[in-house]
C-alpha cells in the first residue's frame, strides 16, 4: 500500500505566487480500490479542507488577480460558499496542513506540474516555512489524465471546492492506475 496525497488549491490568481483561498487534500492509495479515499478516523488516511481569510493574504503581501476575482463571481453559489466557510489566517492554514500531512514526505499530486504544489510551496516560503513535501515528490495528475483521455473523468460533487476537486481527482487517478493495471 502506498499512501499519497492529492492536493487541490483554490486561488485568486494563476501565477506561482498566487494567494491561496482554499486548500483541499486527501490521503489515498492510487493503486487501491477505485473510490476508496480513506477513512477520516484512520490517521494514515484522511481529508483536509480549510478556507483562508482574504485579509491575512493581503497582510502577507499576496496580490489578488482581478481577472481571477471576476471569474470567481461567475462560479456556483456552493463553490463561492466553500471559500468563505470558517476562514482562518494563511499562517494557521499552512500550519494545520503541515500537521495533517505528517512527517513523511510522500508523492503529492497536483492538477498541473506548475500549479498546486508550486503555489503551496511558495506560500510556505513567503511565510518563512517549508512545505511538508519535497519537490522531488511532486506528481502531475493533469499529465496522467492527458495520457489516457479514454478513461472517464470523475466529476467533483462541487466544482471549485478544493476538497471536492481533490477527492474527484484522486478517484480518477485510481481509475487511471487501474487502466495501467499497475498494482505496485
Protein backbone atom coordinates (compact mmCIF):
# COMPACT_ATOMS: atom_id res chain seq x y z
CA UNK A 1 0.00 0.00 0.00
CA UNK A 2 1.24 3.44 -0.94
CA UNK A 3 -0.28 6.42 0.85
CA UNK A 4 -0.03 9.51 -1.31
CA UNK A 5 -1.71 12.93 -1.30
CA UNK A 6 -3.94 14.57 -3.88
CA UNK A 7 -3.81 18.34 -3.42
CA UNK A 8 -6.14 20.94 -4.83
CA UNK A 9 -5.97 24.68 -4.23
CA UNK A 10 -8.41 27.42 -4.96
CA UNK A 11 -6.57 30.66 -5.62
CA UNK A 12 -7.08 34.27 -6.60
CA UNK A 13 -4.61 34.09 -9.47
CA UNK A 14 -2.74 31.68 -11.70
CA UNK A 15 0.88 32.72 -11.06
CA UNK A 16 3.36 30.78 -8.92
CA UNK A 17 2.83 33.22 -6.03
CA UNK A 18 -0.96 33.48 -6.18
CA UNK A 19 -2.99 33.92 -3.00
CA UNK A 20 -4.44 30.61 -1.79
CA UNK A 21 -8.07 30.97 -0.69
CA UNK A 22 -8.73 27.29 -0.01
CA UNK A 23 -6.69 24.11 0.46
CA UNK A 24 -8.20 20.68 -0.11
CA UNK A 25 -6.37 17.37 0.06
CA UNK A 26 -6.97 13.68 0.52
CA UNK A 27 -4.60 10.88 1.53
CA UNK A 28 -5.22 7.79 -0.59
CA UNK A 29 -3.67 4.78 -2.28
CA UNK A 30 -3.65 5.42 -6.05
CA UNK A 31 -3.31 1.69 -6.63
CA UNK A 32 -6.18 0.91 -4.25
CA UNK A 33 -9.84 0.25 -4.85
CA UNK A 34 -11.40 2.95 -7.00
CA UNK A 35 -13.28 5.43 -4.86
CA UNK A 36 -11.72 4.33 -1.56
CA UNK A 37 -10.16 7.57 -0.45
CA UNK A 38 -9.55 6.76 3.14
CA UNK A 39 -11.29 6.93 6.43
CA UNK A 40 -11.00 10.18 8.40
CA UNK A 41 -10.80 8.13 11.62
CA UNK A 42 -7.69 6.31 10.33
CA UNK A 43 -4.60 8.50 10.91
CA UNK A 44 -2.95 7.10 7.78
CA UNK A 45 -5.75 8.43 5.62
CA UNK A 46 -8.00 11.42 5.84
CA UNK A 47 -9.32 14.51 4.23
CA UNK A 48 -8.20 18.12 4.70
CA UNK A 49 -10.07 21.30 3.87
CA UNK A 50 -9.65 24.90 5.01
CA UNK A 51 -10.65 28.30 3.68
CA UNK A 52 -8.24 31.21 4.09
CA UNK A 53 -9.04 34.72 5.31
CA UNK A 54 -8.57 37.17 2.47
CA UNK A 55 -7.18 39.96 4.66
CA UNK A 56 -4.45 37.64 6.01
CA UNK A 57 -3.31 37.14 2.42
CA UNK A 58 -3.05 40.85 1.67
CA UNK A 59 -1.26 41.39 5.00
CA UNK A 60 1.28 38.73 3.93
CA UNK A 61 1.85 40.56 0.63
CA UNK A 62 -0.14 38.33 -1.71
CA UNK A 63 -1.71 40.17 -4.66
CA UNK A 64 -5.18 39.24 -5.96
CA UNK A 65 -5.58 38.98 -9.74
CA UNK A 66 -8.59 40.97 -10.99
CA UNK A 67 -9.45 38.50 -13.78
CA UNK A 68 -9.49 35.61 -11.31
CA UNK A 69 -11.65 37.56 -8.86
CA UNK A 70 -14.12 38.24 -11.71
CA UNK A 71 -14.01 34.53 -12.66
CA UNK A 72 -14.92 33.58 -9.08
CA UNK A 73 -18.02 35.81 -9.28
CA UNK A 74 -19.24 33.58 -12.13
CA UNK A 75 -18.87 30.30 -10.20
CA UNK A 76 -21.65 28.42 -8.41
CA UNK A 77 -23.01 29.55 -5.06
CA UNK A 78 -21.72 26.32 -3.50
CA UNK A 79 -18.20 26.94 -4.81
CA UNK A 80 -18.19 30.53 -3.54
CA UNK A 81 -19.57 29.44 -0.14
CA UNK A 82 -16.77 26.88 0.22
CA UNK A 83 -14.10 29.60 0.09
CA UNK A 84 -15.89 31.68 2.72
CA UNK A 85 -16.80 28.98 5.27
CA UNK A 86 -14.91 29.40 8.57
CA UNK A 87 -11.81 31.01 7.04
CA UNK A 88 -8.56 31.15 9.01
CA UNK A 89 -5.34 33.15 8.59
CA UNK A 90 -2.99 31.80 5.93
CA UNK A 91 -0.29 31.03 8.54
CA UNK A 92 -2.75 28.89 10.52
CA UNK A 93 -3.97 27.11 7.38
CA UNK A 94 -0.40 26.25 6.37
CA UNK A 95 0.43 25.07 9.88
CA UNK A 96 -2.66 22.86 10.00
CA UNK A 97 -1.87 21.39 6.59
CA UNK A 98 1.70 20.64 7.69
CA UNK A 99 0.43 18.78 10.76
CA UNK A 100 -2.21 16.90 8.74
CA UNK A 101 0.33 15.91 6.07
CA UNK A 102 2.66 14.36 8.63
CA UNK A 103 6.40 13.93 8.92
CA UNK A 104 6.86 11.57 5.97
CA UNK A 105 7.30 13.26 2.60
CA UNK A 106 5.19 11.35 0.13
CA UNK A 107 4.18 11.67 -3.51
CA UNK A 108 1.97 14.72 -3.73
CA UNK A 109 -0.28 15.05 -6.76
CA UNK A 110 -1.42 18.41 -8.08
CA UNK A 111 -3.53 19.32 -11.08
CA UNK A 112 -0.67 20.66 -13.17
CA UNK A 113 3.08 20.34 -12.76
CA UNK A 114 3.45 24.05 -12.14
CA UNK A 115 0.28 24.88 -10.23
CA UNK A 116 -0.96 23.47 -6.90
CA UNK A 117 2.29 22.11 -5.49
CA UNK A 118 4.34 25.11 -6.63
CA UNK A 119 1.87 27.69 -5.31
CA UNK A 120 1.61 25.93 -1.94
CA UNK A 121 5.39 25.58 -1.64
CA UNK A 122 5.79 29.29 -2.44
CA UNK A 123 3.22 30.23 0.22
CA UNK A 124 5.27 28.34 2.82
CA UNK A 125 8.43 30.13 1.65
CA UNK A 126 6.74 33.56 1.73
CA UNK A 127 5.81 32.96 5.37
CA UNK A 128 9.26 31.63 6.31
CA UNK A 129 8.36 27.95 6.40
CA UNK A 130 8.96 24.78 4.44
CA UNK A 131 6.35 22.68 2.65
CA UNK A 132 5.81 19.20 4.09
CA UNK A 133 6.54 17.57 0.74
CA UNK A 134 9.75 17.61 -1.29
CA UNK A 135 9.86 18.98 -4.83
CA UNK A 136 11.13 15.57 -5.93
CA UNK A 137 7.79 14.09 -4.81
CA UNK A 138 5.71 16.42 -6.99
CA UNK A 139 3.41 14.37 -9.22
CA UNK A 140 1.23 15.68 -12.03
CA UNK A 141 -2.36 14.47 -12.17
CA UNK A 142 -3.04 16.56 -15.30
CA UNK A 143 -0.31 14.73 -17.23
CA UNK A 144 -1.72 11.35 -16.22
CA UNK A 145 -5.21 12.47 -17.26
CA UNK A 146 -3.96 13.61 -20.66
CA UNK A 147 -2.11 10.33 -21.28
CA UNK A 148 -5.36 8.39 -21.00
CA UNK A 149 -8.20 10.55 -22.33
CA UNK A 150 -10.34 7.42 -22.83
CA UNK A 151 -10.62 6.81 -19.07
CA UNK A 152 -13.84 8.55 -17.95
CA UNK A 153 -13.30 11.56 -15.74
CA UNK A 154 -14.75 11.51 -12.22
CA UNK A 155 -16.59 14.80 -11.74
CA UNK A 156 -16.42 16.56 -8.36
CA UNK A 157 -19.57 16.90 -6.28
CA UNK A 158 -18.95 20.67 -6.26
CA UNK A 159 -16.57 22.05 -8.88
CA UNK A 160 -14.05 24.54 -7.45
CA UNK A 161 -14.49 23.31 -3.90
CA UNK A 162 -10.89 22.34 -3.11
CA UNK A 163 -11.76 19.17 -1.17
CA UNK A 164 -14.39 18.04 -3.66
CA UNK A 165 -11.93 18.57 -6.53
CA UNK A 166 -9.14 16.70 -4.67
CA UNK A 167 -11.45 13.74 -3.99
CA UNK A 168 -12.61 13.55 -7.61
CA UNK A 169 -9.05 13.82 -8.92
CA UNK A 170 -7.88 11.06 -6.53
CA UNK A 171 -10.72 8.75 -7.61
CA UNK A 172 -9.95 9.43 -11.27
CA UNK A 173 -6.25 8.78 -10.68
CA UNK A 174 -7.18 5.42 -9.17
CA UNK A 175 -9.07 4.65 -12.39
CA UNK A 176 -6.01 5.67 -14.41
CA UNK A 177 -3.73 3.40 -12.35
CA UNK A 178 -6.29 0.62 -12.73
CA UNK A 179 -6.20 1.17 -16.51
CA UNK A 180 -2.45 0.72 -16.34
CA UNK A 181 -3.10 -2.47 -14.36
CA UNK A 182 -0.43 -1.19 -12.00
CA UNK A 183 -0.68 -2.79 -8.60
CA UNK A 184 2.60 -1.58 -7.14
